Amino acid sequence: MDSVGAQAYAKVLENGVQAIEEVNRLRDSGYMKEDLYVISHDRDREDRIAEAADSNEVGMSEEGLFGTLANMFRSRGDELRSKITSLGFSEAEADFFEQELDLGKVLVIAKKTSV
């Protein structure tokens, strides 16, 4: 599923290689590093892919202080849904994406941070 809206774009990919290719494609189309996010159910995998793709991970600047602190006490699934909604997606979209992440897939999100 791809989600393209006025605020953000998301694509579910099968693996890290495809995620890196998607980040590069988005960068070629005009997105900057700070506009690109990689999300995976496995934190270590997410870190490795984000580093290899030279992209961001969702953090305090996207979720705010309280969201970041709350994530310390949430399950990984709840944390992922929170991160996805903080980037402009609905709860239903976040649920769908989190289910895909449960299957070992990787989510790439592009969101313009500046106008």
C-alpha atoms as a PDB file:
ATOM      1  CA  MET A   1       0.000   0.000   0.000  1.00  0.00           C
ATOM      2  CA  ASP A   2       1.243   3.441  -0.872  1.00  0.00           C
ATOM      3  CA  SER A   3      -0.282   6.439   0.803  1.00  0.00           C
ATOM      4  CA  VAL A   4       0.137   9.746  -0.933  1.00  0.00           C
ATOM      5  CA  GLY A   5      -1.435  12.797   0.632  1.00  0.00           C
ATOM      6  CA  ALA A   6      -0.883  16.488   0.958  1.00  0.00           C
ATOM      7  CA  GLN A   7       1.133  15.921   4.126  1.00  0.00           C
ATOM      8  CA  ALA A   8       3.090  12.674   3.761  1.00  0.00           C
ATOM      9  CA  TYR A   9       3.893   9.715   1.519  1.00  0.00           C
ATOM     10  CA  ALA A  10       4.454   6.174   2.770  1.00  0.00           C
ATOM     11  CA  LYS A  11       5.470   2.940   1.114  1.00  0.00           C
ATOM     12  CA  VAL A  12       5.719  -0.546   2.595  1.00  0.00           C
ATOM     13  CA  LEU A  13       8.712  -2.490   1.295  1.00  0.00           C
ATOM     14  CA  GLU A  14       9.728  -6.113   1.612  1.00  0.00           C
ATOM     15  CA  ASN A  15      13.277  -5.580   2.864  1.00  0.00           C
ATOM     16  CA  GLY A  16      16.056  -3.145   3.708  1.00  0.00           C
ATOM     17  CA  VAL A  17      17.538  -3.130   0.220  1.00  0.00           C
ATOM     18  CA  GLN A  18      14.217  -2.000  -1.260  1.00  0.00           C
ATOM     19  CA  ALA A  19      13.860   0.594   1.511  1.00  0.00           C
ATOM     20  CA  ILE A  20      17.281   2.067   0.712  1.00  0.00           C
ATOM     21  CA  GLU A  21      16.390   2.155  -2.994  1.00  0.00           C
ATOM     22  CA  GLU A  22      13.101   3.930  -2.181  1.00  0.00           C
ATOM     23  CA  VAL A  23      14.872   6.515  -0.005  1.00  0.00           C
ATOM     24  CA  ASN A  24      17.330   7.168  -2.849  1.00  0.00           C
ATOM     25  CA  ARG A  25      14.456   7.486  -5.351  1.00  0.00           C
ATOM     26  CA  LEU A  26      12.694   9.975  -3.073  1.00  0.00           C
ATOM     27  CA  ARG A  27      15.908  11.923  -2.562  1.00  0.00           C
ATOM     28  CA  ASP A  28      16.343  12.070  -6.354  1.00  0.00           C
ATOM     29  CA  SER A  29      12.816  13.483  -6.614  1.00  0.00           C
ATOM     30  CA  GLY A  30      13.655  16.381  -4.287  1.00  0.00           C
ATOM     31  CA  TYR A  31      13.219  15.195  -0.705  1.00  0.00           C
ATOM     32  CA  MET A  32      15.958  16.059   1.780  1.00  0.00           C
ATOM     33  CA  LYS A  33      17.399  13.759   4.476  1.00  0.00           C
ATOM     34  CA  GLU A  34      15.288  15.462   7.134  1.00  0.00           C
ATOM     35  CA  ASP A  35      12.139  14.637   5.098  1.00  0.00           C
ATOM     36  CA  LEU A  36      12.789  10.870   4.936  1.00  0.00           C
ATOM     37  CA  TYR A  37      12.050   8.293   7.633  1.00  0.00           C
ATOM     38  CA  VAL A  38      12.593   4.552   7.891  1.00  0.00           C
ATOM     39  CA  ILE A  39      10.544   2.453  10.322  1.00  0.00           C
ATOM     40  CA  SER A  40      10.956  -1.238  11.116  1.00  0.00           C
ATOM     41  CA  HIS A  41       9.570  -3.421  13.899  1.00  0.00           C
ATOM     42  CA  ASP A  42      13.132  -4.360  14.862  1.00  0.00           C
ATOM     43  CA  ARG A  43      14.966  -1.345  16.327  1.00  0.00           C
ATOM     44  CA  ASP A  44      18.450  -2.566  15.341  1.00  0.00           C
ATOM     45  CA  ARG A  45      17.307  -3.211  11.781  1.00  0.00           C
ATOM     46  CA  GLU A  46      15.691   0.237  11.679  1.00  0.00           C
ATOM     47  CA  ASP A  47      18.949   1.836  12.844  1.00  0.00           C
ATOM     48  CA  ARG A  48      21.016  -0.036  10.243  1.00  0.00           C
ATOM     49  CA  ILE A  49      18.671   0.756   7.348  1.00  0.00           C
ATOM     50  CA  ALA A  50      18.303   4.425   8.315  1.00  0.00           C
ATOM     51  CA  GLU A  51      22.081   4.766   8.544  1.00  0.00           C
ATOM     52  CA  ALA A  52      22.698   2.987   5.224  1.00  0.00           C
ATOM     53  CA  ALA A  53      19.982   5.043   3.507  1.00  0.00           C
ATOM     54  CA  ASP A  54      21.135   8.278   5.154  1.00  0.00           C
ATOM     55  CA  SER A  55      17.609   8.975   6.382  1.00  0.00           C
ATOM     56  CA  ASN A  56      15.918   9.847   9.669  1.00  0.00           C
ATOM     57  CA  GLU A  57      14.230   7.893  12.368  1.00  0.00           C
ATOM     58  CA  VAL A  58      11.174   9.349  14.078  1.00  0.00           C
ATOM     59  CA  GLY A  59      12.258  11.142  17.243  1.00  0.00           C
ATOM     60  CA  MET A  60      11.448  13.923  19.649  1.00  0.00           C
ATOM     61  CA  SER A  61      11.212  16.619  16.984  1.00  0.00           C
ATOM     62  CA  GLU A  62       8.389  14.690  15.287  1.00  0.00           C
ATOM     63  CA  GLU A  63       6.610  13.243  18.341  1.00  0.00           C
ATOM     64  CA  GLY A  64       7.286  15.904  20.936  1.00  0.00           C
ATOM     65  CA  LEU A  65       8.659  15.390  24.419  1.00  0.00           C
ATOM     66  CA  PHE A  66       5.574  13.716  25.863  1.00  0.00           C
ATOM     67  CA  GLY A  67       5.184  11.316  22.945  1.00  0.00           C
ATOM     68  CA  THR A  68       8.833  10.331  23.186  1.00  0.00           C
ATOM     69  CA  LEU A  69       8.578   9.781  26.944  1.00  0.00           C
ATOM     70  CA  ALA A  70       5.333   7.817  26.570  1.00  0.00           C
ATOM     71  CA  ASN A  71       7.022   5.507  24.066  1.00  0.00           C
ATOM     72  CA  MET A  72       9.364   4.350  26.820  1.00  0.00           C
ATOM     73  CA  PHE A  73       6.348   2.649  28.444  1.00  0.00           C
ATOM     74  CA  ARG A  74       4.523   1.446  25.330  1.00  0.00           C
ATOM     75  CA  SER A  75       4.730  -1.863  23.524  1.00  0.00           C
ATOM     76  CA  ARG A  76       6.730  -1.727  20.292  1.00  0.00           C
ATOM     77  CA  GLY A  77       3.488  -1.901  18.279  1.00  0.00           C
ATOM     78  CA  ASP A  78       1.965   1.030  20.172  1.00  0.00           C
ATOM     79  CA  GLU A  79       5.223   2.946  19.798  1.00  0.00           C
ATOM     80  CA  LEU A  80       5.273   2.375  16.036  1.00  0.00           C
ATOM     81  CA  ARG A  81       1.650   3.469  15.629  1.00  0.00           C
ATOM     82  CA  SER A  82       2.433   6.618  17.632  1.00  0.00           C
ATOM     83  CA  LYS A  83       5.441   7.395  15.428  1.00  0.00           C
ATOM     84  CA  ILE A  84       3.403   6.880  12.255  1.00  0.00           C
ATOM     85  CA  THR A  85       0.531   9.090  13.410  1.00  0.00           C
ATOM     86  CA  SER A  86       3.037  11.783  14.471  1.00  0.00           C
ATOM     87  CA  LEU A  87       4.017  12.010  10.795  1.00  0.00           C
ATOM     88  CA  GLY A  88       0.464  12.828   9.720  1.00  0.00           C
ATOM     89  CA  PHE A  89      -1.239   9.473   9.174  1.00  0.00           C
ATOM     90  CA  SER A  90      -4.589   8.418  10.618  1.00  0.00           C
ATOM     91  CA  GLU A  91      -4.985   5.753  13.310  1.00  0.00           C
ATOM     92  CA  ALA A  92      -6.378   3.350  10.679  1.00  0.00           C
ATOM     93  CA  GLU A  93      -3.368   3.911   8.412  1.00  0.00           C
ATOM     94  CA  ALA A  94      -1.005   3.484  11.368  1.00  0.00           C
ATOM     95  CA  ASP A  95      -2.731   0.196  12.263  1.00  0.00           C
ATOM     96  CA  PHE A  96      -2.336  -1.067   8.692  1.00  0.00           C
ATOM     97  CA  PHE A  97       1.326  -0.078   8.488  1.00  0.00           C
ATOM     98  CA  GLU A  98       2.094  -1.594  11.900  1.00  0.00           C
ATOM     99  CA  GLN A  99       0.531  -4.907  10.808  1.00  0.00           C
ATOM    100  CA  GLU A 100       2.793  -4.887   7.757  1.00  0.00           C
ATOM    101  CA  LEU A 101       5.796  -4.176   9.972  1.00  0.00           C
ATOM    102  CA  ASP A 102       4.780  -7.201  12.091  1.00  0.00           C
ATOM    103  CA  LEU A 103       5.354  -9.280   8.938  1.00  0.00           C
ATOM    104  CA  GLY A 104       8.973  -8.104   8.722  1.00  0.00           C
ATOM    105  CA  LYS A 105       8.439  -5.374   6.163  1.00  0.00           C
ATOM    106  CA  VAL A 106       9.968  -1.883   6.247  1.00  0.00           C
ATOM    107  CA  LEU A 107       8.101   1.413   6.021  1.00  0.00           C
ATOM    108  CA  VAL A 108       9.570   4.451   4.259  1.00  0.00           C
ATOM    109  CA  ILE A 109       7.864   7.777   4.902  1.00  0.00           C
ATOM    110  CA  ALA A 110       8.554  11.061   3.147  1.00  0.00           C
ATOM    111  CA  LYS A 111       7.190  14.199   4.739  1.00  0.00           C
ATOM    112  CA  LYS A 112       8.181  17.717   3.789  1.00  0.00           C
ATOM    113  CA  THR A 113       9.320  19.426   6.957  1.00  0.00           C
ATOM    114  CA  SER A 114       9.675  22.845   5.379  1.00  0.00           C
ATOM    115  CA  VAL A 115       7.400  24.778   3.077  1.00  0.00           C
END
